[in-house]
Amino acid sequence: MIEAIAGLCGFGPAGGSSDHLLERPPNDDPSLLADALRPSWLPKVSKGFFFRADTFADVAGYIDKEGSAEVHGGRRLREQSHGEAFFTVFANRFGTQDRAMYLMDEPENALSPNRQLAFLRLLREWECSGNAQIIIATHSPILMSYPGATIYSFDGQSIEPVDYEDTEHYRVTRGFLMNPNRYLAELFDDTE
């Protein structure tokens, strides 16, 4: 779904902004979903960024070739750790100056829990700017906790809104943190 929306915005399927038209990731079939969607936006937003965790290294290489390291905290993205590079892109390439659409597929992929909390702060800054529309596909209970977020579940026959506490990711994480020994005993019970 997020790739289809990215296509409607003019972003390449590998991620990046509208000027990052990298090749489609290997084994990634073109989606017919974009052709079936009928977006309605006033005004249409063509600025922004499509972040894909699985193709980030390719996009980071493209960004490093096109620009100076100063934009990224003084270091090229490929010289940073995976998590640092993710966060650097979020903090420096995403912004609040112009109306923009930010689409993110699993931005938590390389972020520690503390960095996920810092990412929530960035989300708040973008929201408060009034210039950002943000759509995130995530498995992170931390990111799903964003105040006022609308969460949709794609787990059933149809796409349905779901309360934060009713998401499987929240329930499993909370259950594990409340009683890790029970979960571990169930996981490893048959290995003795």
Foldseek 3Di string as FASTA:
>chain_A
DLLLVCVVLCAASLKFANVPNDDHPPPDDDDCVNVVDDDDDVVRANTEIAAELVNVVVVLVVVQVPDACVLQVNDRLVVDPSQSSLVSCLVRVGDLPAQHEYEYEASCPPPDPVVLLVVLVSVVVNVVSVRYDYDYHHLDLSNVPNPPDFDWDPPDPDIHTDDSCPDPSNVVVVVCVVPVPVVVCVVCVPVD
